[in-house]
Amino acid sequence: MLFPVLLAIQGTVGAVYCVVISSLGLLSGPLCDTGSGNYTYPFRNYSLDNSYLLNQPTWATCQEPEHIVLWNVVLFSIQLGIGVVEAVLCLSQVVSGLCDIFCGTCVRKGQG
């Protein structure tokens, strides 16, 4: 009975890791060429108040590869959403398994 709970805990940890990495990917922005021939993170020093995510005209800063900012935003947003859903489902599985371990035996004893 403990093995499924351990697997659900491992799934929850993986989901939280996915959420953290996706959030950091969204915050720092893509690695791109700004026209100087050097690949940098041009949006890394932006604050949350002045985020490139809400200021679409600044996306033109990245010239190569084409549409890299849109790709970055879509990819990490999808991963963030899936990670949150996975974390909620795995956490509910952990709670359900722990309730079954601790309360299930009491209910079964009372029925017998």
PDB file of N, CA and C in Angstrom:
ATOM      1  N   MET A   1       0.813  -1.200   0.000  1.00  0.00           N
ATOM      2  CA  MET A   1       0.000   0.000   0.000  1.00  0.00           C
ATOM      3  C   MET A   1       0.857   1.264   0.000  1.00  0.00           C
ATOM      4  N   LEU A   2       2.077   1.146   0.453  1.00  0.00           N
ATOM      5  CA  LEU A   2       2.940   2.320   0.547  1.00  0.00           C
ATOM      6  C   LEU A   2       3.599   2.657  -0.792  1.00  0.00           C
ATOM      7  N   PHE A   3       3.779   1.669  -1.655  1.00  0.00           N
ATOM      8  CA  PHE A   3       4.474   1.885  -2.924  1.00  0.00           C
ATOM      9  C   PHE A   3       3.769   2.909  -3.822  1.00  0.00           C
ATOM     10  N   PRO A   4       2.441   2.837  -4.001  1.00  0.00           N
ATOM     11  CA  PRO A   4       1.774   3.865  -4.816  1.00  0.00           C
ATOM     12  C   PRO A   4       1.912   5.275  -4.240  1.00  0.00           C
ATOM     13  N   VAL A   5       1.942   5.381  -2.925  1.00  0.00           N
ATOM     14  CA  VAL A   5       2.113   6.696  -2.294  1.00  0.00           C
ATOM     15  C   VAL A   5       3.502   7.237  -2.590  1.00  0.00           C
ATOM     16  N   LEU A   6       4.506   6.372  -2.519  1.00  0.00           N
ATOM     17  CA  LEU A   6       5.875   6.807  -2.827  1.00  0.00           C
ATOM     18  C   LEU A   6       5.999   7.236  -4.280  1.00  0.00           C
ATOM     19  N   LEU A   7       5.350   6.518  -5.184  1.00  0.00           N
ATOM     20  CA  LEU A   7       5.375   6.915  -6.596  1.00  0.00           C
ATOM     21  C   LEU A   7       4.654   8.247  -6.813  1.00  0.00           C
ATOM     22  N   ALA A   8       3.552   8.456  -6.098  1.00  0.00           N
ATOM     23  CA  ALA A   8       2.827   9.727  -6.218  1.00  0.00           C
ATOM     24  C   ALA A   8       3.656  10.880  -5.660  1.00  0.00           C
ATOM     25  N   ILE A   9       4.407  10.626  -4.591  1.00  0.00           N
ATOM     26  CA  ILE A   9       5.296  11.662  -4.047  1.00  0.00           C
ATOM     27  C   ILE A   9       6.382  11.994  -5.058  1.00  0.00           C
ATOM     28  N   GLN A  10       6.932  10.982  -5.697  1.00  0.00           N
ATOM     29  CA  GLN A  10       7.951  11.206  -6.726  1.00  0.00           C
ATOM     30  C   GLN A  10       7.359  11.994  -7.900  1.00  0.00           C
ATOM     31  N   GLY A  11       6.130  11.690  -8.279  1.00  0.00           N
ATOM     32  CA  GLY A  11       5.465  12.447  -9.336  1.00  0.00           C
ATOM     33  C   GLY A  11       5.234  13.893  -8.952  1.00  0.00           C
ATOM     34  N   THR A  12       4.881  14.125  -7.696  1.00  0.00           N
ATOM     35  CA  THR A  12       4.672  15.493  -7.212  1.00  0.00           C
ATOM     36  C   THR A  12       5.971  16.281  -7.244  1.00  0.00           C
ATOM     37  N   VAL A  13       7.063  15.657  -6.830  1.00  0.00           N
ATOM     38  CA  VAL A  13       8.370  16.330  -6.863  1.00  0.00           C
ATOM     39  C   VAL A  13       8.751  16.674  -8.309  1.00  0.00           C
ATOM     40  N   GLY A  14       8.523  15.751  -9.218  1.00  0.00           N
ATOM     41  CA  GLY A  14       8.814  16.017 -10.627  1.00  0.00           C
ATOM     42  C   GLY A  14       7.955  17.132 -11.193  1.00  0.00           C
ATOM     43  N   ALA A  15       6.702  17.180 -10.800  1.00  0.00           N
ATOM     44  CA  ALA A  15       5.804  18.226 -11.270  1.00  0.00           C
ATOM     45  C   ALA A  15       6.219  19.597 -10.736  1.00  0.00           C
ATOM     46  N   VAL A  16       6.606  19.640  -9.472  1.00  0.00           N
ATOM     47  CA  VAL A  16       7.065  20.909  -8.887  1.00  0.00           C
ATOM     48  C   VAL A  16       8.341  21.371  -9.591  1.00  0.00           C
ATOM     49  N   TYR A  17       9.234  20.442  -9.892  1.00  0.00           N
ATOM     50  CA  TYR A  17      10.457  20.772 -10.640  1.00  0.00           C
ATOM     51  C   TYR A  17      10.099  21.350 -12.013  1.00  0.00           C
ATOM     52  N   CYS A  18       9.131  20.748 -12.691  1.00  0.00           N
ATOM     53  CA  CYS A  18       8.689  21.244 -13.994  1.00  0.00           C
ATOM     54  C   CYS A  18       8.129  22.659 -13.885  1.00  0.00           C
ATOM     55  N   VAL A  19       7.352  22.923 -12.843  1.00  0.00           N
ATOM     56  CA  VAL A  19       6.773  24.255 -12.645  1.00  0.00           C
ATOM     57  C   VAL A  19       7.877  25.287 -12.391  1.00  0.00           C
ATOM     58  N   VAL A  20       8.864  24.938 -11.580  1.00  0.00           N
ATOM     59  CA  VAL A  20       9.953  25.871 -11.268  1.00  0.00           C
ATOM     60  C   VAL A  20      10.780  26.177 -12.527  1.00  0.00           C
ATOM     61  N   ILE A  21      11.154  25.143 -13.271  1.00  0.00           N
ATOM     62  CA  ILE A  21      11.965  25.351 -14.466  1.00  0.00           C
ATOM     63  C   ILE A  21      11.202  26.129 -15.532  1.00  0.00           C
ATOM     64  N   SER A  22       9.919  25.836 -15.705  1.00  0.00           N
ATOM     65  CA  SER A  22       9.107  26.567 -16.678  1.00  0.00           C
ATOM     66  C   SER A  22       8.963  28.035 -16.283  1.00  0.00           C
ATOM     67  N   SER A  23       8.784  28.287 -15.001  1.00  0.00           N
ATOM     68  CA  SER A  23       8.680  29.674 -14.531  1.00  0.00           C
ATOM     69  C   SER A  23       9.973  30.430 -14.771  1.00  0.00           C
ATOM     70  N   LEU A  24      11.095  29.779 -14.478  1.00  0.00           N
ATOM     71  CA  LEU A  24      12.382  30.437 -14.713  1.00  0.00           C
ATOM     72  C   LEU A  24      12.621  30.672 -16.201  1.00  0.00           C
ATOM     73  N   GLY A  25      12.196  29.738 -17.038  1.00  0.00           N
ATOM     74  CA  GLY A  25      12.325  29.913 -18.482  1.00  0.00           C
ATOM     75  C   GLY A  25      11.488  31.065 -18.995  1.00  0.00           C
ATOM     76  N   LEU A  26      10.305  31.223 -18.437  1.00  0.00           N
ATOM     77  CA  LEU A  26       9.464  32.357 -18.828  1.00  0.00           C
ATOM     78  C   LEU A  26      10.036  33.678 -18.337  1.00  0.00           C
ATOM     79  N   LEU A  27      10.574  33.688 -17.137  1.00  0.00           N
ATOM     80  CA  LEU A  27      11.093  34.938 -16.574  1.00  0.00           C
ATOM     81  C   LEU A  27      12.363  35.419 -17.265  1.00  0.00           C
ATOM     82  N   SER A  28      13.258  34.489 -17.598  1.00  0.00           N
ATOM     83  CA  SER A  28      14.535  34.916 -18.183  1.00  0.00           C
ATOM     84  C   SER A  28      14.453  35.162 -19.675  1.00  0.00           C
ATOM     85  N   GLY A  29      13.483  34.591 -20.349  1.00  0.00           N
ATOM     86  CA  GLY A  29      13.335  34.802 -21.783  1.00  0.00           C
ATOM     87  C   GLY A  29      14.265  33.913 -22.591  1.00  0.00           C
ATOM     88  N   PRO A  30      14.177  34.006 -23.900  1.00  0.00           N
ATOM     89  CA  PRO A  30      14.961  33.115 -24.760  1.00  0.00           C
ATOM     90  C   PRO A  30      16.392  33.593 -24.976  1.00  0.00           C
ATOM     91  N   LEU A  31      17.233  32.670 -25.389  1.00  0.00           N
ATOM     92  CA  LEU A  31      18.591  32.970 -25.826  1.00  0.00           C
ATOM     93  C   LEU A  31      18.508  33.284 -27.310  1.00  0.00           C
ATOM     94  N   CYS A  32      18.880  34.492 -27.705  1.00  0.00           N
ATOM     95  CA  CYS A  32      18.724  34.876 -29.106  1.00  0.00           C
ATOM     96  C   CYS A  32      19.802  35.881 -29.515  1.00  0.00           C
ATOM     97  N   ASP A  33      19.884  36.100 -30.826  1.00  0.00           N
ATOM     98  CA  ASP A  33      20.806  37.077 -31.407  1.00  0.00           C
ATOM     99  C   ASP A  33      20.075  38.405 -31.519  1.00  0.00           C
ATOM    100  N   THR A  34      20.644  39.445 -30.951  1.00  0.00           N
ATOM    101  CA  THR A  34      20.017  40.764 -30.980  1.00  0.00           C
ATOM    102  C   THR A  34      20.509  41.619 -32.138  1.00  0.00           C
ATOM    103  N   GLY A  35      21.242  41.010 -33.052  1.00  0.00           N
ATOM    104  CA  GLY A  35      21.734  41.737 -34.223  1.00  0.00           C
ATOM    105  C   GLY A  35      23.219  41.967 -34.187  1.00  0.00           C
ATOM    106  N   SER A  36      23.859  41.722 -33.055  1.00  0.00           N
ATOM    107  CA  SER A  36      25.297  41.944 -32.934  1.00  0.00           C
ATOM    108  C   SER A  36      26.095  40.689 -33.273  1.00  0.00           C
ATOM    109  N   GLY A  37      25.420  39.578 -33.491  1.00  0.00           N
ATOM    110  CA  GLY A  37      26.096  38.321 -33.765  1.00  0.00           C
ATOM    111  C   GLY A  37      26.361  37.501 -32.527  1.00  0.00           C
ATOM    112  N   ASN A  38      26.123  38.080 -31.361  1.00  0.00           N
ATOM    113  CA  ASN A  38      26.293  37.362 -30.091  1.00  0.00           C
ATOM    114  C   ASN A  38      24.938  36.928 -29.573  1.00  0.00           C
ATOM    115  N   TYR A  39      24.868  35.701 -29.123  1.00  0.00           N
ATOM    116  CA  TYR A  39      23.628  35.196 -28.538  1.00  0.00           C
ATOM    117  C   TYR A  39      23.632  35.504 -27.037  1.00  0.00           C
ATOM    118  N   THR A  40      22.598  36.213 -26.607  1.00  0.00           N
ATOM    119  CA  THR A  40      22.463  36.604 -25.205  1.00  0.00           C
ATOM    120  C   THR A  40      21.010  36.427 -24.765  1.00  0.00           C
ATOM    121  N   TYR A  41      20.774  36.685 -23.488  1.00  0.00           N
ATOM    122  CA  TYR A  41      19.423  36.716 -22.932  1.00  0.00           C
ATOM    123  C   TYR A  41      19.036  38.191 -22.772  1.00  0.00           C
ATOM    124  N   PRO A  42      18.439  38.812 -23.770  1.00  0.00           N
ATOM    125  CA  PRO A  42      18.178  40.256 -23.696  1.00  0.00           C
ATOM    126  C   PRO A  42      17.097  40.644 -22.692  1.00  0.00           C
ATOM    127  N   PHE A  43      16.252  39.725 -22.287  1.00  0.00           N
ATOM    128  CA  PHE A  43      15.155  40.055 -21.379  1.00  0.00           C
ATOM    129  C   PHE A  43      15.432  39.655 -19.941  1.00  0.00           C
ATOM    130  N   ARG A  44      16.609  39.171 -19.652  1.00  0.00           N
ATOM    131  CA  ARG A  44      16.923  38.638 -18.325  1.00  0.00           C
ATOM    132  C   ARG A  44      16.866  39.711 -17.241  1.00  0.00           C
ATOM    133  N   ASN A  45      17.246  40.933 -17.520  1.00  0.00           N
ATOM    134  CA  ASN A  45      17.319  41.982 -16.501  1.00  0.00           C
ATOM    135  C   ASN A  45      16.018  42.759 -16.353  1.00  0.00           C
ATOM    136  N   TYR A  46      14.971  42.341 -17.025  1.00  0.00           N
ATOM    137  CA  TYR A  46      13.692  43.017 -16.896  1.00  0.00           C
ATOM    138  C   TYR A  46      13.069  42.669 -15.547  1.00  0.00           C
ATOM    139  N   SER A  47      12.353  43.623 -14.977  1.00  0.00           N
ATOM    140  CA  SER A  47      11.649  43.358 -13.716  1.00  0.00           C
ATOM    141  C   SER A  47      10.268  42.773 -14.031  1.00  0.00           C
ATOM    142  N   LEU A  48       9.600  42.293 -13.009  1.00  0.00           N
ATOM    143  CA  LEU A  48       8.253  41.759 -13.220  1.00  0.00           C
ATOM    144  C   LEU A  48       7.276  42.849 -13.642  1.00  0.00           C
ATOM    145  N   ASP A  49       7.526  44.086 -13.201  1.00  0.00           N
ATOM    146  CA  ASP A  49       6.659  45.200 -13.588  1.00  0.00           C
ATOM    147  C   ASP A  49       6.833  45.548 -15.058  1.00  0.00           C
ATOM    148  N   ASN A  50       8.043  45.381 -15.579  1.00  0.00           N
ATOM    149  CA  ASN A  50       8.361  45.740 -16.958  1.00  0.00           C
ATOM    150  C   ASN A  50       8.713  44.465 -17.734  1.00  0.00           C
ATOM    151  N   SER A  51       7.865  43.472 -17.667  1.00  0.00           N
ATOM    152  CA  SER A  51       8.153  42.168 -18.254  1.00  0.00           C
ATOM    153  C   SER A  51       7.977  42.185 -19.770  1.00  0.00           C
ATOM    154  N   TYR A  52       8.817  41.442 -20.455  1.00  0.00           N
ATOM    155  CA  TYR A  52       8.687  41.303 -21.902  1.00  0.00           C
ATOM    156  C   TYR A  52       7.435  40.515 -22.275  1.00  0.00           C
ATOM    157  N   LEU A  53       6.907  39.737 -21.350  1.00  0.00           N
ATOM    158  CA  LEU A  53       5.725  38.929 -21.633  1.00  0.00           C
ATOM    159  C   LEU A  53       4.504  39.791 -21.948  1.00  0.00           C
ATOM    160  N   LEU A  54       4.403  40.929 -21.304  1.00  0.00           N
ATOM    161  CA  LEU A  54       3.259  41.812 -21.504  1.00  0.00           C
ATOM    162  C   LEU A  54       3.546  42.935 -22.497  1.00  0.00           C
ATOM    163  N   ASN A  55       4.771  43.046 -22.944  1.00  0.00           N
ATOM    164  CA  ASN A  55       5.183  44.122 -23.845  1.00  0.00           C
ATOM    165  C   ASN A  55       5.644  43.519 -25.170  1.00  0.00           C
ATOM    166  N   GLN A  56       4.689  43.146 -26.007  1.00  0.00           N
ATOM    167  CA  GLN A  56       4.993  42.418 -27.226  1.00  0.00           C
ATOM    168  C   GLN A  56       5.881  43.183 -28.221  1.00  0.00           C
ATOM    169  N   PRO A  57       5.849  44.502 -28.312  1.00  0.00           N
ATOM    170  CA  PRO A  57       6.765  45.182 -29.238  1.00  0.00           C
ATOM    171  C   PRO A  57       8.249  44.966 -28.924  1.00  0.00           C
ATOM    172  N   THR A  58       8.584  44.639 -27.681  1.00  0.00           N
ATOM    173  CA  THR A  58       9.987  44.394 -27.351  1.00  0.00           C
ATOM    174  C   THR A  58      10.485  43.057 -27.885  1.00  0.00           C
ATOM    175  N   TRP A  59       9.581  42.213 -28.358  1.00  0.00           N
ATOM    176  CA  TRP A  59       9.976  40.915 -28.895  1.00  0.00           C
ATOM    177  C   TRP A  59      10.824  41.059 -30.148  1.00  0.00           C
ATOM    178  N   ALA A  60      10.741  42.198 -30.809  1.00  0.00           N
ATOM    179  CA  ALA A  60      11.539  42.438 -32.019  1.00  0.00           C
ATOM    180  C   ALA A  60      13.022  42.561 -31.704  1.00  0.00           C
ATOM    181  N   THR A  61      13.375  42.640 -30.422  1.00  0.00           N
ATOM    182  CA  THR A  61      14.777  42.696 -30.015  1.00  0.00           C
ATOM    183  C   THR A  61      15.521  41.461 -30.501  1.00  0.00           C
ATOM    184  N   CYS A  62      14.863  40.318 -30.439  1.00  0.00           N
ATOM    185  CA  CYS A  62      15.463  39.057 -30.899  1.00  0.00           C
ATOM    186  C   CYS A  62      15.279  38.934 -32.403  1.00  0.00           C
ATOM    187  N   GLN A  63      16.404  38.915 -33.131  1.00  0.00           N
ATOM    188  CA  GLN A  63      16.334  38.818 -34.588  1.00  0.00           C
ATOM    189  C   GLN A  63      16.537  37.400 -35.100  1.00  0.00           C
ATOM    190  N   GLU A  64      17.343  36.638 -34.426  1.00  0.00           N
ATOM    191  CA  GLU A  64      17.599  35.248 -34.819  1.00  0.00           C
ATOM    192  C   GLU A  64      17.492  34.367 -33.602  1.00  0.00           C
ATOM    193  N   PRO A  65      16.967  33.214 -33.668  1.00  0.00           N
ATOM    194  CA  PRO A  65      16.098  32.620 -34.673  1.00  0.00           C
ATOM    195  C   PRO A  65      14.754  33.340 -34.728  1.00  0.00           C
ATOM    196  N   GLU A  66      14.112  33.228 -35.858  1.00  0.00           N
ATOM    197  CA  GLU A  66      12.844  33.914 -36.063  1.00  0.00           C
ATOM    198  C   GLU A  66      11.779  33.381 -35.111  1.00  0.00           C
ATOM    199  N   HIS A  67      10.978  34.269 -34.577  1.00  0.00           N
ATOM    200  CA  HIS A  67       9.849  33.947 -33.689  1.00  0.00           C
ATOM    201  C   HIS A  67      10.265  33.157 -32.452  1.00  0.00           C
ATOM    202  N   ILE A  68      11.484  33.335 -31.987  1.00  0.00           N
ATOM    203  CA  ILE A  68      11.967  32.576 -30.830  1.00  0.00           C
ATOM    204  C   ILE A  68      11.256  32.995 -29.545  1.00  0.00           C
ATOM    205  N   VAL A  69      10.876  34.255 -29.444  1.00  0.00           N
ATOM    206  CA  VAL A  69      10.205  34.715 -28.220  1.00  0.00           C
ATOM    207  C   VAL A  69       8.816  34.083 -28.116  1.00  0.00           C
ATOM    208  N   LEU A  70       8.091  34.063 -29.226  1.00  0.00           N
ATOM    209  CA  LEU A  70       6.780  33.427 -29.238  1.00  0.00           C
ATOM    210  C   LEU A  70       6.902  31.938 -28.915  1.00  0.00           C
ATOM    211  N   TRP A  71       7.897  31.288 -29.504  1.00  0.00           N
ATOM    212  CA  TRP A  71       8.137  29.877 -29.226  1.00  0.00           C
ATOM    213  C   TRP A  71       8.420  29.661 -27.737  1.00  0.00           C
ATOM    214  N   ASN A  72       9.265  30.500 -27.164  1.00  0.00           N
ATOM    215  CA  ASN A  72       9.622  30.393 -25.748  1.00  0.00           C
ATOM    216  C   ASN A  72       8.393  30.566 -24.856  1.00  0.00           C
ATOM    217  N   VAL A  73       7.586  31.569 -25.147  1.00  0.00           N
ATOM    218  CA  VAL A  73       6.403  31.847 -24.324  1.00  0.00           C
ATOM    219  C   VAL A  73       5.398  30.703 -24.418  1.00  0.00           C
ATOM    220  N   VAL A  74       5.131  30.214 -25.614  1.00  0.00           N
ATOM    221  CA  VAL A  74       4.154  29.137 -25.791  1.00  0.00           C
ATOM    222  C   VAL A  74       4.652  27.847 -25.138  1.00  0.00           C
ATOM    223  N   LEU A  75       5.902  27.490 -25.391  1.00  0.00           N
ATOM    224  CA  LEU A  75       6.449  26.242 -24.857  1.00  0.00           C
ATOM    225  C   LEU A  75       6.428  26.220 -23.332  1.00  0.00           C
ATOM    226  N   PHE A  76       6.962  27.260 -22.708  1.00  0.00           N
ATOM    227  CA  PHE A  76       7.030  27.270 -21.253  1.00  0.00           C
ATOM    228  C   PHE A  76       5.670  27.476 -20.606  1.00  0.00           C
ATOM    229  N   SER A  77       4.746  28.158 -21.284  1.00  0.00           N
ATOM    230  CA  SER A  77       3.395  28.297 -20.743  1.00  0.00           C
ATOM    231  C   SER A  77       2.674  26.954 -20.730  1.00  0.00           C
ATOM    232  N   ILE A  78       2.833  26.184 -21.806  1.00  0.00           N
ATOM    233  CA  ILE A  78       2.225  24.856 -21.855  1.00  0.00           C
ATOM    234  C   ILE A  78       2.830  23.960 -20.785  1.00  0.00           C
ATOM    235  N   GLN A  79       4.144  23.979 -20.657  1.00  0.00           N
ATOM    236  CA  GLN A  79       4.796  23.165 -19.637  1.00  0.00           C
ATOM    237  C   GLN A  79       4.389  23.583 -18.234  1.00  0.00           C
ATOM    238  N   LEU A  80       4.233  24.874 -18.021  1.00  0.00           N
ATOM    239  CA  LEU A  80       3.805  25.374 -16.712  1.00  0.00           C
ATOM    240  C   LEU A  80       2.402  24.885 -16.386  1.00  0.00           C
ATOM    241  N   GLY A  81       1.502  24.975 -17.342  1.00  0.00           N
ATOM    242  CA  GLY A  81       0.136  24.512 -17.123  1.00  0.00           C
ATOM    243  C   GLY A  81       0.063  23.019 -16.856  1.00  0.00           C
ATOM    244  N   ILE A  82       0.780  22.244 -17.652  1.00  0.00           N
ATOM    245  CA  ILE A  82       0.786  20.790 -17.461  1.00  0.00           C
ATOM    246  C   ILE A  82       1.422  20.424 -16.121  1.00  0.00           C
ATOM    247  N   GLY A  83       2.483  21.134 -15.742  1.00  0.00           N
ATOM    248  CA  GLY A  83       3.134  20.868 -14.459  1.00  0.00           C
ATOM    249  C   GLY A  83       2.225  21.139 -13.278  1.00  0.00           C
ATOM    250  N   VAL A  84       1.446  22.213 -13.361  1.00  0.00           N
ATOM    251  CA  VAL A  84       0.515  22.543 -12.274  1.00  0.00           C
ATOM    252  C   VAL A  84      -0.569  21.472 -12.169  1.00  0.00           C
ATOM    253  N   VAL A  85      -1.126  21.066 -13.310  1.00  0.00           N
ATOM    254  CA  VAL A  85      -2.161  20.024 -13.297  1.00  0.00           C
ATOM    255  C   VAL A  85      -1.586  18.717 -12.745  1.00  0.00           C
ATOM    256  N   GLU A  86      -0.378  18.367 -13.186  1.00  0.00           N
ATOM    257  CA  GLU A  86       0.265  17.143 -12.702  1.00  0.00           C
ATOM    258  C   GLU A  86       0.521  17.207 -11.197  1.00  0.00           C
ATOM    259  N   ALA A  87       0.962  18.350 -10.717  1.00  0.00           N
ATOM    260  CA  ALA A  87       1.229  18.504  -9.287  1.00  0.00           C
ATOM    261  C   ALA A  87      -0.055  18.334  -8.473  1.00  0.00           C
ATOM    262  N   VAL A  88      -1.144  18.917  -8.945  1.00  0.00           N
ATOM    263  CA  VAL A  88      -2.421  18.798  -8.229  1.00  0.00           C
ATOM    264  C   VAL A  88      -2.890  17.345  -8.224  1.00  0.00           C
ATOM    265  N   LEU A  89      -2.810  16.677  -9.371  1.00  0.00           N
ATOM    266  CA  LEU A  89      -3.263  15.285  -9.443  1.00  0.00           C
ATOM    267  C   LEU A  89      -2.401  14.358  -8.584  1.00  0.00           C
ATOM    268  N   CYS A  90      -1.089  14.533  -8.643  1.00  0.00           N
ATOM    269  CA  CYS A  90      -0.205  13.676  -7.849  1.00  0.00           C
ATOM    270  C   CYS A  90      -0.367  13.945  -6.359  1.00  0.00           C
ATOM    271  N   LEU A  91      -0.532  15.206  -6.002  1.00  0.00           N
ATOM    272  CA  LEU A  91      -0.730  15.532  -4.587  1.00  0.00           C
ATOM    273  C   LEU A  91      -2.042  14.959  -4.067  1.00  0.00           C
ATOM    274  N   SER A  92      -3.081  14.997  -4.894  1.00  0.00           N
ATOM    275  CA  SER A  92      -4.344  14.394  -4.469  1.00  0.00           C
ATOM    276  C   SER A  92      -4.198  12.876  -4.344  1.00  0.00           C
ATOM    277  N   GLN A  93      -3.381  12.272  -5.180  1.00  0.00           N
ATOM    278  CA  GLN A  93      -3.126  10.841  -5.077  1.00  0.00           C
ATOM    279  C   GLN A  93      -2.361  10.505  -3.797  1.00  0.00           C
ATOM    280  N   VAL A  94      -1.434  11.388  -3.408  1.00  0.00           N
ATOM    281  CA  VAL A  94      -0.704  11.193  -2.150  1.00  0.00           C
ATOM    282  C   VAL A  94      -1.667  11.253  -0.974  1.00  0.00           C
ATOM    283  N   VAL A  95      -2.520  12.271  -0.952  1.00  0.00           N
ATOM    284  CA  VAL A  95      -3.478  12.423   0.151  1.00  0.00           C
ATOM    285  C   VAL A  95      -4.426  11.234   0.188  1.00  0.00           C
ATOM    286  N   SER A  96      -4.917  10.816  -0.963  1.00  0.00           N
ATOM    287  CA  SER A  96      -5.823   9.672  -1.029  1.00  0.00           C
ATOM    288  C   SER A  96      -5.143   8.396  -0.529  1.00  0.00           C
ATOM    289  N   GLY A  97      -3.907   8.190  -0.935  1.00  0.00           N
ATOM    290  CA  GLY A  97      -3.175   7.005  -0.501  1.00  0.00           C
ATOM    291  C   GLY A  97      -2.893   7.011   0.987  1.00  0.00           C
ATOM    292  N   LEU A  98      -2.525   8.179   1.524  1.00  0.00           N
ATOM    293  CA  LEU A  98      -2.271   8.268   2.958  1.00  0.00           C
ATOM    294  C   LEU A  98      -3.549   8.061   3.766  1.00  0.00           C
ATOM    295  N   CYS A  99      -4.664   8.583   3.286  1.00  0.00           N
ATOM    296  CA  CYS A  99      -5.940   8.347   3.965  1.00  0.00           C
ATOM    297  C   CYS A  99      -6.294   6.873   3.929  1.00  0.00           C
ATOM    298  N   ASP A 100      -6.012   6.226   2.817  1.00  0.00           N
ATOM    299  CA  ASP A 100      -6.295   4.791   2.706  1.00  0.00           C
ATOM    300  C   ASP A 100      -5.411   3.983   3.650  1.00  0.00           C
ATOM    301  N   ILE A 101      -4.152   4.407   3.778  1.00  0.00           N
ATOM    302  CA  ILE A 101      -3.237   3.680   4.673  1.00  0.00           C
ATOM    303  C   ILE A 101      -3.655   3.838   6.130  1.00  0.00           C
ATOM    304  N   PHE A 102      -3.910   5.084   6.550  1.00  0.00           N
ATOM    305  CA  PHE A 102      -4.176   5.337   7.960  1.00  0.00           C
ATOM    306  C   PHE A 102      -5.628   5.104   8.358  1.00  0.00           C
ATOM    307  N   CYS A 103      -6.555   5.455   7.493  1.00  0.00           N
ATOM    308  CA  CYS A 103      -7.975   5.337   7.858  1.00  0.00           C
ATOM    309  C   CYS A 103      -8.616   4.071   7.313  1.00  0.00           C
ATOM    310  N   GLY A 104      -8.065   3.519   6.252  1.00  0.00           N
ATOM    311  CA  GLY A 104      -8.651   2.329   5.654  1.00  0.00           C
ATOM    312  C   GLY A 104      -8.613   1.126   6.559  1.00  0.00           C
ATOM    313  N   THR A 105      -7.540   0.974   7.316  1.00  0.00           N
ATOM    314  CA  THR A 105      -7.450  -0.173   8.220  1.00  0.00           C
ATOM    315  C   THR A 105      -8.421  -0.042   9.372  1.00  0.00           C
ATOM    316  N   CYS A 106      -8.688   1.182   9.842  1.00  0.00           N
ATOM    317  CA  CYS A 106      -9.654   1.389  10.937  1.00  0.00           C
ATOM    318  C   CYS A 106     -11.062   1.037  10.473  1.00  0.00           C
ATOM    319  N   VAL A 107     -11.405   1.437   9.250  1.00  0.00           N
ATOM    320  CA  VAL A 107     -12.740   1.168   8.728  1.00  0.00           C
ATOM    321  C   VAL A 107     -12.924  -0.326   8.537  1.00  0.00           C
ATOM    322  N   ARG A 108     -11.909  -0.994   8.042  1.00  0.00           N
ATOM    323  CA  ARG A 108     -12.004  -2.427   7.801  1.00  0.00           C
ATOM    324  C   ARG A 108     -12.145  -3.193   9.128  1.00  0.00           C
ATOM    325  N   LYS A 109     -11.451  -2.760  10.167  1.00  0.00           N
ATOM    326  CA  LYS A 109     -11.567  -3.430  11.476  1.00  0.00           C
ATOM    327  C   LYS A 109     -12.960  -3.240  12.054  1.00  0.00           C
ATOM    328  N   GLY A 110     -13.536  -2.069  11.860  1.00  0.00           N
ATOM    329  CA  GLY A 110     -14.864  -1.786  12.396  1.00  0.00           C
ATOM    330  C   GLY A 110     -15.941  -2.576  11.687  1.00  0.00           C
ATOM    331  N   GLN A 111     -15.720  -2.915  10.423  1.00  0.00           N
ATOM    332  CA  GLN A 111     -16.729  -3.654   9.674  1.00  0.00           C
ATOM    333  C   GLN A 111     -16.724  -5.136  10.036  1.00  0.00           C
ATOM    334  N   GLY A 112     -15.564  -5.669  10.440  1.00  0.00           N
ATOM    335  CA  GLY A 112     -15.440  -7.100  10.700  1.00  0.00           C
ATOM    336  C   GLY A 112     -16.008  -7.428  12.011  1.00  0.00           C
TER     337      GLY A 112
END
